[in-house]
Structure formats: structure tokens, C-alpha cells
């Protein structure tokens, strides 16, 4: 095999399990599910979804009564407050009305607790609009999370089938190397018999050296692809046996449009949230009405003090120039979100058309590549036989070997492209990538 061939074999063995160890099987679906479970970006996205849903629940509950509980401990000798505290504590006597006592009271203190309930009755539509906006933002975040999962699935599909193709590349490189070694052995034997020139020996040796170099490149490509897959799906994927075939098992999706695509839905919901936020900003220019009820006590001792309640209907109308500017800014953001949604829809339709063309072109290239490989294998076999019979020069045989190598490389690239094109079409249509669902 030579030094280069030994190095290639060592590099390839470094990408697999030790001898005697059984490799676990890993399907494409398992790889995608594992990546979804491990990815920190998706975990952060899930936290964002939970936060948005909590915000939506909080906004939805804006109409519920609000309870405020207070406790206080005070002491004062300020004349008016001193008299008021004595009155609240039910400690007023006739002596407290003496002018000298009123003008210079002795300090008084006490402790008290209170509770108040406030219920919004009218807020100019602010509360309902805020609930709509928060609910739309939560929905948009959930759709964005699904899109992130689809994009991660695409990355796993690429890494998985790049590993499959790289393994086939190593197998082809092994075949080419074996053929090159056998050709060199045959040419040297004929040269020793005086039937072939030294130049033929040099050509055969050069061809074998190129095959060894190609084998090293193929092994390195396999190691790199497996490393990328392990980064996404876990360290176990580095040595697992990949069981999903690269040839697609079903025709490409036939749905005509990307309607319902997660990122489109997210853009629509963002536009809806921006519209509702405009209503929130406008409502700041309208009055607010709420009902309030409270109870409070102030005591100097457990058996000394008063308890009282209060009921009220409160109207509040605050007019400020910043509220007008905020309303205009919200309208501009709403218009921008709606324009972004329309642009996203046009872009999605184009992506679907491009993906369909990519699938059709890739399928055609795969068919042509299969034909090229079959023809090149037949040509190599024929030229090898005729060369062994002394009817063809070595250069013709080497040309056939080079042609077969090129055809095989074309087939591997075309198969990978065809599988990725189908996954890209599913992404463009908003369908589960490779049918994998969480």
C-alpha cells in the first residue's frame, strides 16, 4: 500500500470505533430529535416562548381587581396630624380642645393596617388592546420557535447526509486505490518482462500516489462531516451507523403555496400585535374610570382605636403631548410591521418557486450521474481487459479511471444536492423537515 496508503487508513480508522466495538444505529429522525433536545439556542427560544405566554396571561388579567395591603407605624407632634391620629384612635377628650393643647400637643403614635381593592371600569380600550397585543406576541414567538427548529433540522439533514456521502466517497476512494495498486503491480511485472516501458511504470506509480492522496482527502472529509453531525446531534453520532438512505423515499411535496409557514405566521402576528399596540397608545388620550373600596384601622393598643371604610368612583384623565407622539410612533410601527409581513409573503412565494426548480434540476442531475457512473464503470472494465491483453496503452486505462472518478464524484454531489433540495422545499412550504415532528 505504501506510506501514503497507510496514513490514509490510519486517518479513516481514527473516525470510527475501536475494533470489536458495535456501532449504535442512528436514523435521520433520531439525529434531528437529538439536536432539538440538545441545542442551547432552542432552549433559549423555549424560555422566550414561556415568557411571552406569561406576559399574555398578565395582560389578559388586567381587568381583574387589584388588592393592596398596607401597614404603618407612625409618631408625630405636628398639630393637625396629632389631633387626627387621636381622633382615628378614638382618644379624643374634652381636654384635647384646649387651645394650648391644640397649639402644642404632646407626641402621639400608633400602628395601623389597611386593605384596598381597585377595579378598572373603563380604560379607553387600553386593557383589551394590551391583551390582544400580548397574545399576538406570544403566538409570534411560538411560531418563531418552530421556525428555529425547522432551520436546525435543515442543518442536521445537511450534516447527516454529508456524512453518508463522505462514507461513500471513502468507499469509492478505496476502490480506486485498489485498482491503482493492482495496475502498478501489473505494469511493473510487464516492465520486468521487457513488455512495457519505464515511462509506463512511472505513470502507474503516479496514478497510485494520486489515489492514495485522494483516499486521505476522502477520509478527512468523512471525519469533518462526522464532527459536524456530532456537534449538532451529540457525541454518540460521531461513531454511529447512519441508517437513513440518501435516496429520497417519496416525491417532493405538492402543496402550491407556503401559507401557514411558521415565519409567515410570526410576521402576521407581529403585525397584529403592532396594530393592537397602536390602540393601546391611542387609549392613553382617553379617561380612565375605576371603582375603589378600602378598609383601614389605626390603634394605640389592641382595644384602643377606630376602623373605617371608604368607597369611591375615580375618574382620571391625563392629557400630555408625549402621548400624542407615542400614538403616532405606534402607528408608524404598525405600518412597518404590516409592510414587513407583505414582503415576507412575496419572498416566501419566490423561495417556494426556487426550491421546486432546485428539486427538479437536482433529480435530473442524479439521473445523469447514475448513467455516467454506469457507462464509466463499463468503460473501465473494457479498457482494463484490453490493456491486460496488450491491446490498449496504459494512458487509455488511466483516462477511464479518471473518468470513473469524476462520474462518481458527480453522483455523490448530485445525490446530496437532491436530498437537500427536498428539505429546502419542505422548509419553504413550512412543512415538517423530513417528516420529523417534535
Protein backbone atom coordinates (compact mmCIF):
# COMPACT_ATOMS: atom_id res chain seq x y z
CA UNK A 1 0.00 0.00 0.00
CA UNK A 2 2.89 2.37 0.71
CA UNK A 3 3.39 5.04 3.30
CA UNK A 4 0.61 7.31 1.97
CA UNK A 5 -1.87 4.46 1.87
CA UNK A 6 -1.05 3.53 5.47
CA UNK A 7 -1.58 7.13 6.52
CA UNK A 8 -4.95 7.19 4.78
CA UNK A 9 -6.04 4.01 6.51
CA UNK A 10 -4.95 5.39 9.88
CA UNK A 11 -6.89 8.58 9.30
CA UNK A 12 -10.04 6.69 8.43
CA UNK A 13 -9.74 4.35 11.40
CA UNK A 14 -9.47 7.41 13.63
CA UNK A 15 -13.02 8.36 12.69
CA UNK A 16 -14.63 5.13 13.82
CA UNK A 17 -14.98 2.81 16.80
CA UNK A 18 -12.19 0.62 18.13
CA UNK A 19 -12.10 -2.86 16.72
CA UNK A 20 -14.66 -5.14 18.26
CA UNK A 21 -16.97 -2.30 19.36
CA UNK A 22 -20.51 -2.31 17.99
CA UNK A 23 -21.68 0.97 16.48
CA UNK A 24 -25.11 2.19 17.54
CA UNK A 25 -27.59 2.87 14.78
CA UNK A 26 -28.72 6.43 14.12
CA UNK A 27 -31.54 7.36 11.78
CA UNK A 28 -32.08 10.85 10.44
CA UNK A 29 -35.16 11.30 12.61
CA UNK A 30 -33.21 10.32 15.73
CA UNK A 31 -30.47 12.79 14.82
CA UNK A 32 -32.97 15.63 14.39
CA UNK A 33 -34.76 14.87 17.66
CA UNK A 34 -31.45 14.67 19.49
CA UNK A 35 -30.39 18.05 18.09
CA UNK A 36 -33.68 19.61 19.19
CA UNK A 37 -33.13 18.34 22.72
CA UNK A 38 -29.51 19.49 22.95
CA UNK A 39 -29.44 22.87 21.22
CA UNK A 40 -28.93 25.80 23.59
CA UNK A 41 -30.44 28.23 21.10
CA UNK A 42 -33.69 26.27 21.04
CA UNK A 43 -33.67 26.09 24.84
CA UNK A 44 -33.36 29.87 24.98
CA UNK A 45 -36.16 30.17 22.42
CA UNK A 46 -38.39 27.95 24.55
CA UNK A 47 -37.75 30.26 27.52
CA UNK A 48 -38.74 33.23 25.37
CA UNK A 49 -41.97 31.48 24.41
CA UNK A 50 -42.81 30.82 28.06
CA UNK A 51 -42.05 34.45 28.96
CA UNK A 52 -44.29 35.74 26.15
CA UNK A 53 -47.10 33.42 27.22
CA UNK A 54 -46.78 34.66 30.81
CA UNK A 55 -46.94 38.26 29.55
CA UNK A 56 -50.10 37.38 27.62
CA UNK A 57 -51.72 35.92 30.73
CA UNK A 58 -50.79 39.02 32.73
CA UNK A 59 -52.29 41.31 30.08
CA UNK A 60 -55.44 39.19 29.88
CA UNK A 61 -55.92 39.56 33.64
CA UNK A 62 -55.72 43.36 33.52
CA UNK A 63 -59.48 43.63 34.21
CA UNK A 64 -59.26 41.69 37.46
CA UNK A 65 -59.48 43.54 40.80
CA UNK A 66 -56.21 44.67 42.35
CA UNK A 67 -55.72 44.24 46.10
CA UNK A 68 -53.34 46.48 48.04
CA UNK A 69 -52.47 45.76 51.68
CA UNK A 70 -50.56 48.27 53.81
CA UNK A 71 -49.18 48.51 57.35
CA UNK A 72 -47.79 51.55 59.13
CA UNK A 73 -46.33 52.67 62.44
CA UNK A 74 -46.23 56.44 62.97
CA UNK A 75 -45.49 59.05 65.64
CA UNK A 76 -45.83 62.82 65.35
CA UNK A 77 -46.38 66.04 67.28
CA UNK A 78 -47.42 68.07 64.22
CA UNK A 79 -50.63 69.73 65.49
CA UNK A 80 -53.06 68.77 62.75
CA UNK A 81 -51.83 65.20 62.33
CA UNK A 82 -51.55 64.75 66.08
CA UNK A 83 -55.24 65.67 66.51
CA UNK A 84 -56.22 63.47 63.53
CA UNK A 85 -54.39 60.46 64.93
CA UNK A 86 -56.02 60.88 68.31
CA UNK A 87 -59.37 61.02 66.52
CA UNK A 88 -58.56 57.90 64.44
CA UNK A 89 -57.57 56.10 67.64
CA UNK A 90 -60.76 57.24 69.40
CA UNK A 91 -58.73 59.00 72.13
CA UNK A 92 -60.28 62.46 71.86
CA UNK A 93 -61.34 64.03 75.19
CA UNK A 94 -62.57 67.49 76.07
CA UNK A 95 -59.07 68.46 77.17
CA UNK A 96 -57.81 67.93 73.62
CA UNK A 97 -59.79 71.02 72.54
CA UNK A 98 -57.90 73.35 74.82
CA UNK A 99 -56.05 75.96 72.74
CA UNK A 100 -52.73 75.25 74.43
CA UNK A 101 -53.10 71.52 73.76
CA UNK A 102 -54.12 72.13 70.16
CA UNK A 103 -51.25 74.51 69.50
CA UNK A 104 -48.54 72.43 71.19
CA UNK A 105 -49.66 68.82 71.51
CA UNK A 106 -47.63 66.10 73.07
CA UNK A 107 -46.36 63.42 70.67
CA UNK A 108 -48.78 60.69 69.69
CA UNK A 109 -48.16 57.37 67.93
CA UNK A 110 -49.93 54.32 66.70
CA UNK A 111 -49.90 51.35 64.37
CA UNK A 112 -52.39 50.52 61.65
CA UNK A 113 -53.19 48.24 58.78
CA UNK A 114 -55.35 48.69 55.72
CA UNK A 115 -56.57 46.98 52.57
CA UNK A 116 -57.95 48.43 49.37
CA UNK A 117 -59.48 46.92 46.25
CA UNK A 118 -59.48 48.70 42.90
CA UNK A 119 -61.45 47.52 39.84
CA UNK A 120 -60.95 49.16 36.42
CA UNK A 121 -64.29 50.02 34.82
CA UNK A 122 -63.18 51.87 31.70
CA UNK A 123 -59.73 52.46 30.23
CA UNK A 124 -60.49 53.62 26.71
CA UNK A 125 -59.88 50.14 25.29
CA UNK A 126 -56.33 50.03 26.63
CA UNK A 127 -56.70 46.84 28.62
CA UNK A 128 -58.37 44.79 25.89
CA UNK A 129 -55.93 46.07 23.26
CA UNK A 130 -52.97 45.30 25.52
CA UNK A 131 -54.29 41.76 25.93
CA UNK A 132 -54.62 41.33 22.17
CA UNK A 133 -51.10 42.65 21.60
CA UNK A 134 -49.55 40.38 24.23
CA UNK A 135 -51.44 37.34 22.93
CA UNK A 136 -50.29 38.07 19.36
CA UNK A 137 -46.68 38.49 20.51
CA UNK A 138 -46.84 35.18 22.34
CA UNK A 139 -48.17 33.48 19.21
CA UNK A 140 -45.46 35.09 17.08
CA UNK A 141 -42.77 33.86 19.49
CA UNK A 142 -44.16 30.32 19.35
CA UNK A 143 -44.15 30.38 15.53
CA UNK A 144 -40.62 31.77 15.51
CA UNK A 145 -39.55 28.93 17.77
CA UNK A 146 -40.98 26.39 15.35
CA UNK A 147 -39.10 28.08 12.51
CA UNK A 148 -35.88 27.87 14.52
CA UNK A 149 -36.48 24.15 14.97
CA UNK A 150 -37.01 23.72 11.22
CA UNK A 151 -33.80 25.58 10.44
CA UNK A 152 -31.88 23.42 12.92
CA UNK A 153 -33.41 20.33 11.32
CA UNK A 154 -32.10 21.51 7.93
CA UNK A 155 -28.62 21.80 9.42
CA UNK A 156 -28.88 18.25 10.78
CA UNK A 157 -30.08 16.93 7.42
CA UNK A 158 -27.08 18.52 5.74
CA UNK A 159 -24.57 17.18 8.27
CA UNK A 160 -26.18 13.72 8.28
CA UNK A 161 -26.16 13.22 4.52
CA UNK A 162 -22.79 14.88 4.08
CA UNK A 163 -21.56 12.10 6.37
CA UNK A 164 -23.34 9.48 4.27
CA UNK A 165 -21.88 10.89 1.06
CA UNK A 166 -18.42 11.17 2.62
CA UNK A 167 -18.57 7.48 3.62
CA UNK A 168 -19.49 6.57 0.03
CA UNK A 169 -16.60 8.76 -1.09
CA UNK A 170 -14.22 6.75 1.06
CA UNK A 171 -15.62 3.55 -0.41
CA UNK A 172 -15.05 4.84 -3.94
CA UNK A 173 -11.56 6.02 -2.96
CA UNK A 174 -10.79 2.54 -1.63
CA UNK A 175 -11.86 1.02 -4.94
CA UNK A 176 -9.76 3.48 -6.91
CA UNK A 177 -6.74 2.85 -4.68
CA UNK A 178 -7.04 -0.94 -5.02
CA UNK A 179 -7.30 -0.60 -8.79
CA UNK A 180 -4.31 1.74 -8.89
CA UNK A 181 -2.21 -0.64 -6.79
CA UNK A 182 -3.14 -3.59 -8.98
CA UNK A 183 -2.37 -1.60 -12.12
CA UNK A 184 1.04 -0.60 -10.78
CA UNK A 185 1.80 -4.22 -9.86
CA UNK A 186 0.78 -5.41 -13.33
CA UNK A 187 2.81 -2.70 -15.10
CA UNK A 188 5.93 -3.40 -13.03
CA UNK A 189 5.63 -7.10 -13.77
CA UNK A 190 5.35 -6.45 -17.50
CA UNK A 191 8.23 -3.98 -17.32
CA UNK A 192 10.44 -6.64 -15.76
CA UNK A 193 9.49 -8.88 -18.68
CA UNK A 194 10.50 -6.15 -21.08
CA UNK A 195 6.94 -5.70 -22.36
CA UNK A 196 6.28 -2.20 -21.00
CA UNK A 197 8.42 0.93 -20.81
CA UNK A 198 9.83 2.57 -17.70
CA UNK A 199 7.60 5.53 -18.53
CA UNK A 200 4.56 3.31 -18.05
CA UNK A 201 5.86 2.31 -14.62
CA UNK A 202 6.25 5.98 -13.71
CA UNK A 203 2.72 6.74 -14.91
CA UNK A 204 1.28 3.83 -12.90
CA UNK A 205 3.19 4.90 -9.79
CA UNK A 206 1.94 8.47 -10.18
CA UNK A 207 -1.62 7.23 -10.57
CA UNK A 208 -1.30 5.13 -7.41
CA UNK A 209 0.13 8.10 -5.48
CA UNK A 210 -2.77 10.28 -6.61
CA UNK A 211 -5.20 7.58 -5.49
CA UNK A 212 -3.56 7.49 -2.06
CA UNK A 213 -3.82 11.27 -1.79
CA UNK A 214 -7.48 11.09 -2.82
CA UNK A 215 -8.06 8.46 -0.16
CA UNK A 216 -6.61 10.76 2.51
CA UNK A 217 -8.80 13.64 1.33
CA UNK A 218 -11.89 11.41 1.38
CA UNK A 219 -11.09 10.20 4.91
CA UNK A 220 -10.56 13.77 6.12
CA UNK A 221 -13.86 14.82 4.56
CA UNK A 222 -15.63 11.98 6.37
CA UNK A 223 -14.06 12.95 9.70
CA UNK A 224 -15.10 16.58 9.22
CA UNK A 225 -18.68 15.63 8.30
CA UNK A 226 -18.98 13.33 11.30
CA UNK A 227 -17.62 16.07 13.55
CA UNK A 228 -20.30 18.48 12.30
CA UNK A 229 -23.01 15.86 12.89
CA UNK A 230 -21.73 15.17 16.41
CA UNK A 231 -21.77 18.88 17.20
CA UNK A 232 -25.48 19.00 16.37
CA UNK A 233 -26.77 15.60 17.43
CA UNK A 234 -24.39 14.63 20.23
CA UNK A 235 -21.05 12.89 20.56
CA UNK A 236 -22.67 9.50 20.01
CA UNK A 237 -23.36 10.48 16.40
CA UNK A 238 -19.63 10.62 15.64
CA UNK A 239 -19.36 6.82 15.56
CA UNK A 240 -22.96 5.75 14.97
CA UNK A 241 -24.04 3.71 11.98
CA UNK A 242 -26.16 6.00 9.80
CA UNK A 243 -29.19 4.02 8.68
CA UNK A 244 -31.15 6.54 6.58
CA UNK A 245 -30.54 6.20 2.86
CA UNK A 246 -29.71 9.31 0.90
CA UNK A 247 -32.10 8.44 -1.91
CA UNK A 248 -35.45 10.15 -1.11
CA UNK A 249 -38.23 7.69 -0.38
CA UNK A 250 -41.07 9.93 -1.53
CA UNK A 251 -41.70 12.57 -4.19
CA UNK A 252 -41.35 16.25 -3.26
CA UNK A 253 -44.31 17.96 -1.58
CA UNK A 254 -47.05 19.07 -3.94
CA UNK A 255 -48.59 21.90 -1.87
CA UNK A 256 -48.90 25.00 -4.05
CA UNK A 257 -48.09 27.76 -1.55
CA UNK A 258 -46.29 28.48 1.73
CA UNK A 259 -49.49 29.55 3.51
CA UNK A 260 -49.21 28.72 7.20
CA UNK A 261 -45.41 28.76 7.17
CA UNK A 262 -44.19 29.48 10.72
CA UNK A 263 -42.16 32.58 9.89
CA UNK A 264 -45.04 33.98 7.83
CA UNK A 265 -47.42 33.38 10.71
CA UNK A 266 -44.94 35.05 13.04
CA UNK A 267 -44.81 38.10 10.75
CA UNK A 268 -48.61 38.22 10.59
CA UNK A 269 -48.89 38.03 14.36
CA UNK A 270 -46.22 40.70 14.78
CA UNK A 271 -48.29 42.97 12.54
CA UNK A 272 -51.39 42.17 14.61
CA UNK A 273 -49.52 42.94 17.84
CA UNK A 274 -48.31 46.25 16.40
CA UNK A 275 -51.86 47.17 15.39
CA UNK A 276 -53.15 46.40 18.89
CA UNK A 277 -50.29 48.39 20.39
CA UNK A 278 -51.50 51.36 18.36
CA UNK A 279 -54.86 51.08 20.13
CA UNK A 280 -53.05 50.98 23.47
CA UNK A 281 -51.19 54.19 22.62
CA UNK A 282 -54.37 55.93 21.47
CA UNK A 283 -56.21 54.96 24.64
CA UNK A 284 -53.68 56.94 26.66
CA UNK A 285 -55.52 60.05 25.39
CA UNK A 286 -58.82 58.86 26.90
CA UNK A 287 -60.02 58.98 30.54
CA UNK A 288 -59.83 56.05 32.94
CA UNK A 289 -62.55 55.14 35.41
CA UNK A 290 -62.14 52.74 38.33
CA UNK A 291 -64.06 51.75 41.46
CA UNK A 292 -62.22 51.59 44.76
CA UNK A 293 -63.08 50.20 48.20
CA UNK A 294 -60.90 50.14 51.28
CA UNK A 295 -60.82 49.48 55.00
CA UNK A 296 -58.23 50.76 57.49
CA UNK A 297 -57.56 50.89 61.20
CA UNK A 298 -55.21 52.90 63.42
CA UNK A 299 -54.67 51.93 67.07
CA UNK A 300 -52.55 52.79 70.05
CA UNK A 301 -53.49 49.44 71.63
CA UNK A 302 -55.43 46.37 70.65
CA UNK A 303 -58.54 47.70 72.39
CA UNK A 304 -57.97 51.35 71.58
CA UNK A 305 -58.58 52.63 68.05
CA UNK A 306 -61.01 53.02 65.16
CA UNK A 307 -61.75 51.11 61.97
CA UNK A 308 -63.25 52.82 58.94
CA UNK A 309 -64.01 52.07 55.28
CA UNK A 310 -64.16 54.10 52.12
CA UNK A 311 -65.87 53.68 48.75
CA UNK A 312 -65.10 55.69 45.67
CA UNK A 313 -65.56 56.07 41.95
CA UNK A 314 -62.42 57.60 40.48
CA UNK A 315 -62.11 59.20 37.04
CA UNK A 316 -58.68 60.18 35.80
CA UNK A 317 -57.90 61.96 32.56
CA UNK A 318 -54.33 62.92 31.88
CA UNK A 319 -53.53 64.82 28.69
CA UNK A 320 -49.88 65.15 27.68
CA UNK A 321 -48.14 65.95 24.42
CA UNK A 322 -45.85 62.87 24.67
CA UNK A 323 -48.96 60.68 24.50
CA UNK A 324 -49.77 62.14 21.07
CA UNK A 325 -46.24 61.46 19.85
CA UNK A 326 -46.36 57.94 21.26
CA UNK A 327 -49.58 57.30 19.35
CA UNK A 328 -48.02 58.44 16.10
CA UNK A 329 -44.93 56.31 16.73
CA UNK A 330 -47.12 53.26 17.37
CA UNK A 331 -48.97 53.86 14.09
CA UNK A 332 -45.66 54.02 12.22
CA UNK A 333 -44.51 50.76 13.83
CA UNK A 334 -47.81 49.15 12.87
CA UNK A 335 -47.39 50.25 9.24
CA UNK A 336 -43.83 48.92 9.22
CA UNK A 337 -44.88 45.54 10.62
CA UNK A 338 -47.65 45.22 8.04
CA UNK A 339 -45.21 46.07 5.22
CA UNK A 340 -42.71 43.52 6.56
CA UNK A 341 -45.44 40.87 6.56
CA UNK A 342 -46.36 41.61 2.93
CA UNK A 343 -42.71 41.49 1.89
CA UNK A 344 -42.24 38.20 3.73
CA UNK A 345 -45.17 36.70 1.84
CA UNK A 346 -43.74 37.71 -1.54
CA UNK A 347 -40.33 36.42 -0.56
CA UNK A 348 -41.81 33.10 0.62
CA UNK A 349 -43.60 32.53 -2.69
CA UNK A 350 -40.35 33.11 -4.56
CA UNK A 351 -38.49 30.73 -2.23
CA UNK A 352 -41.04 28.02 -3.00
CA UNK A 353 -40.61 28.51 -6.74
CA UNK A 354 -36.82 28.43 -6.41
CA UNK A 355 -36.95 25.32 -4.24
CA UNK A 356 -39.15 23.48 -6.74
CA UNK A 357 -36.76 24.33 -9.57
CA UNK A 358 -33.84 23.16 -7.44
CA UNK A 359 -35.54 19.82 -6.79
CA UNK A 360 -36.26 19.27 -10.49
CA UNK A 361 -32.71 20.20 -11.52
CA UNK A 362 -31.14 18.02 -8.82
CA UNK A 363 -33.25 15.00 -9.79
CA UNK A 364 -32.16 15.44 -13.41
CA UNK A 365 -28.51 15.63 -12.38
CA UNK A 366 -28.85 12.48 -10.27
CA UNK A 367 -30.28 10.57 -13.23
CA UNK A 368 -27.48 11.79 -15.49
CA UNK A 369 -24.85 10.99 -12.86
CA UNK A 370 -26.14 7.42 -12.47
CA UNK A 371 -25.91 6.98 -16.23
CA UNK A 372 -22.41 8.44 -16.26
CA UNK A 373 -21.23 6.11 -13.48
CA UNK A 374 -22.66 3.04 -15.22
CA UNK A 375 -21.03 4.00 -18.51
CA UNK A 376 -17.71 4.83 -16.84
CA UNK A 377 -17.62 1.53 -14.95
CA UNK A 378 -18.28 -0.36 -18.17
CA UNK A 379 -15.58 1.63 -19.96
CA UNK A 380 -13.07 0.93 -17.22
CA UNK A 381 -13.78 -2.79 -17.24
CA UNK A 382 -13.44 -2.93 -21.03
CA UNK A 383 -10.24 -0.91 -21.15
CA UNK A 384 -8.75 -2.87 -18.26
CA UNK A 385 -9.33 -6.14 -20.08
CA UNK A 386 -7.90 -4.84 -23.35
CA UNK A 387 -4.89 -3.34 -21.56
CA UNK A 388 -4.15 -6.67 -19.91
CA UNK A 389 -4.30 -8.21 -23.38
CA UNK A 390 -1.79 -5.66 -24.62
CA UNK A 391 -4.30 -4.05 -26.97
CA UNK A 392 -4.54 -0.61 -25.28
CA UNK A 393 -1.85 1.69 -23.90
CA UNK A 394 -1.76 2.49 -20.19
CA UNK A 395 -2.88 6.08 -20.80
CA UNK A 396 -6.25 4.87 -22.09
CA UNK A 397 -6.78 2.83 -18.94
CA UNK A 398 -5.83 5.76 -16.72
CA UNK A 399 -8.20 8.00 -18.66
CA UNK A 400 -11.01 5.54 -17.95
CA UNK A 401 -10.11 5.53 -14.24
CA UNK A 402 -10.15 9.33 -14.14
CA UNK A 403 -13.48 9.40 -15.94
CA UNK A 404 -15.00 6.98 -13.42
CA UNK A 405 -13.69 9.05 -10.51
CA UNK A 406 -15.28 12.17 -11.95
CA UNK A 407 -18.60 10.40 -12.57
CA UNK A 408 -18.67 9.06 -9.02
CA UNK A 409 -17.91 12.48 -7.56
CA UNK A 410 -20.72 13.93 -9.68
CA UNK A 411 -23.11 11.26 -8.41
CA UNK A 412 -22.26 11.90 -4.75
CA UNK A 413 -22.64 15.65 -5.13
CA UNK A 414 -25.89 15.27 -7.07
CA UNK A 415 -27.43 12.87 -4.53
CA UNK A 416 -26.58 15.23 -1.67
CA UNK A 417 -27.94 18.19 -3.60
CA UNK A 418 -31.18 16.35 -4.40
CA UNK A 419 -31.82 15.41 -0.77
CA UNK A 420 -31.04 18.90 0.49
CA UNK A 421 -33.22 20.43 -2.22
CA UNK A 422 -36.20 18.40 -0.97
CA UNK A 423 -35.54 19.51 2.59
CA UNK A 424 -35.26 23.09 1.35
CA UNK A 425 -38.63 22.78 -0.37
CA UNK A 426 -40.20 21.50 2.84
CA UNK A 427 -38.70 24.48 4.68
CA UNK A 428 -40.04 26.88 2.05
CA UNK A 429 -43.52 25.36 2.34
CA UNK A 430 -43.46 25.31 6.14
CA UNK A 431 -43.78 21.53 6.31
CA UNK A 432 -42.02 19.30 8.88
CA UNK A 433 -38.47 18.71 7.67
CA UNK A 434 -38.14 15.07 6.54
CA UNK A 435 -41.50 14.48 8.23
CA UNK A 436 -39.97 14.78 11.72
CA UNK A 437 -42.30 16.24 14.35
CA UNK A 438 -41.48 17.10 17.92
